Amino acid sequence: MIKAVIIAGGSGTRLWPLSRAAHPKQFLALHGEDTMLQTTVKRLDGLDIQSSVIICNEEHRFLVAEQLREIKRVCSIILEPVGRNTAPAIALAALSSPEGEDPLLLVLAADHVIQEKAAFTKTVMNAIPLAEAGKLVTFGIVANKPNTGYGYIKKGESQGPGFAVDAFVEKPSIGVAKEYLESGDYLWNSGMFLFKTSRYLEELKKYRPDIYEACRLSVEGTSKDNDFLRVNELAFNASPSDSIDYAVMEKTDDAVVVPMDAGWSDIGSWSSLWDISEKDGNGNATYGDVMLHQSHNSYIRTDEKLVAAIGVDDLVIVSTKDVLVVAHKDSVQDVKVVAQQLKAESRTEWEHHREVYRPWGKYDSVDSGERYQVKRITVKPGAKLSVQMHHHRAEHWVVVSGTAKVTNGEKTFILSENESTYIPVGAIHSLENPGIVPLEIIEIQSGSYLGEDDIVRFEDIYGRAAELKSDTI
């Protein structure tokens, strides 16, 4: 009996500008048609999984729910009020298991690539007897090159299909990494685990009773909110932040590492994504509308506009609707420095794309200037924006396609293609798609202040009316 635990937190700033705080890499289709979260969930199909739980934060809850709906999968979704690293996150999943059950917990990150699914499944199945015997199994990746971006695990005495963990080692220098590879005694630390629920909780209680107690109190106060499980916020906030490696795995006497050779990558940078991408005869990996001339060994990705690369080598070029990044492959780790600087300067590009997803659909900010802003809004069939009003801006809505049910003040009416309505400052209004096809509208905002925090919600079918933080439509 296996319970899958998928950790879907993190901001993925090393893959900025595609990965951003409000839409990080685990929710992007970086390697294949599915997002990384969807691929992780589908990877479980070859295993006897009794149930699955995804741990994510409040801001990403609707992204998780929508991406599960797209692939027709059902998982419990536990919301972390704040990030507290992997040890508390796994504890929430363990403590939420039904009383009397003691499933094996298969802990996976939502943002890993594993290219050989059959090898992954076989390795997990081989590790089951060790976990059932009370061992805390971690999966070590068979290294194929010296890598300074990963932690390492040193193998000890043989134990069935695995080895006792002799030591966890931090990210090494390139010279030390070469020595590790040549010795054959070291594996990359993948951050994937398999153990009994009871054994994890026993070891956590033994070595980090403060984390255990905070998480126990958090789960005691769990409440259900639509598709989501909310833990007690006050109790969880009191939990220390620590990784499972530091909190448990480096301290327990029962840690075992099982080697895995399944085409694994944590996609920690643009250069690592180039490593696993399909390339042309000149070593270039391209996505989108790209034209090349005398260019080699580069990664070029564009969302929309044509990108032409002429006479360039070893570059990463990433073009989104609002950002263009050009970096040497040897310097791509520093894109997070730019993202941090944008955050420090309170610029929106570190957090949001120009196209922003919401539980009802999405909007694209196509133009803006002094006292005006233009958005293209897409509303899913059956979805509805919150009933709201604005203190400082008026809005014009023009229907491009589909059918809109509009509440504008005291009137409710239907708008069809090429029809429009004007919403004055202070008018209570809402927008709904009663049809069976997506609704597309153009919204023109005008006024003295157009910030996204100029919103008062009166009613919201997604439970957002009581939220105090800034949020848009």
Foldseek 3Di string as FASTA:
>chain_A
DEEEEEEEEDQLLLAPPVTFNLRGQLLDPLDDDAGLLLVVVVLCVVDPHPAYEYEYAPSCVLSVVVSCVVVVHAHAYEHAPDDQAALLSVLLVLLPPDPPDKHKYKYYYSQKDFQFSVLVSVLVVQCVVLQVVLFKEFEFELDPAQDQPFKKWFFDDDDRLWGFTPAIGHRDDSVVSVVCNVVSRMGTGRLIIIHISVSSLVQLCVQPVQSNVLSNQQNVQWDDDVRHIYTDNVSSVSHHHDYCCVRGVRPDRRYIYHYGHGRMDSCSHPLVSLVPADADPQSEHEEDQEAEECEHNEYEYEDDDYHYYYNYYQWYWYYYPPDIDIDHVVCSSCSSVVLVVCVVVVHCSNHDGQWQADSQGIKHFPDDDQFKTKIKDKGAAFGKDFFKAFQWKKKKKAWQAAKKFKDAAPDTDIDHHGDMDIHDHPTTMMIGHNDNGITIIMMMMGGNDDDQQRMQGDDDPNPCNPPDDRDHD
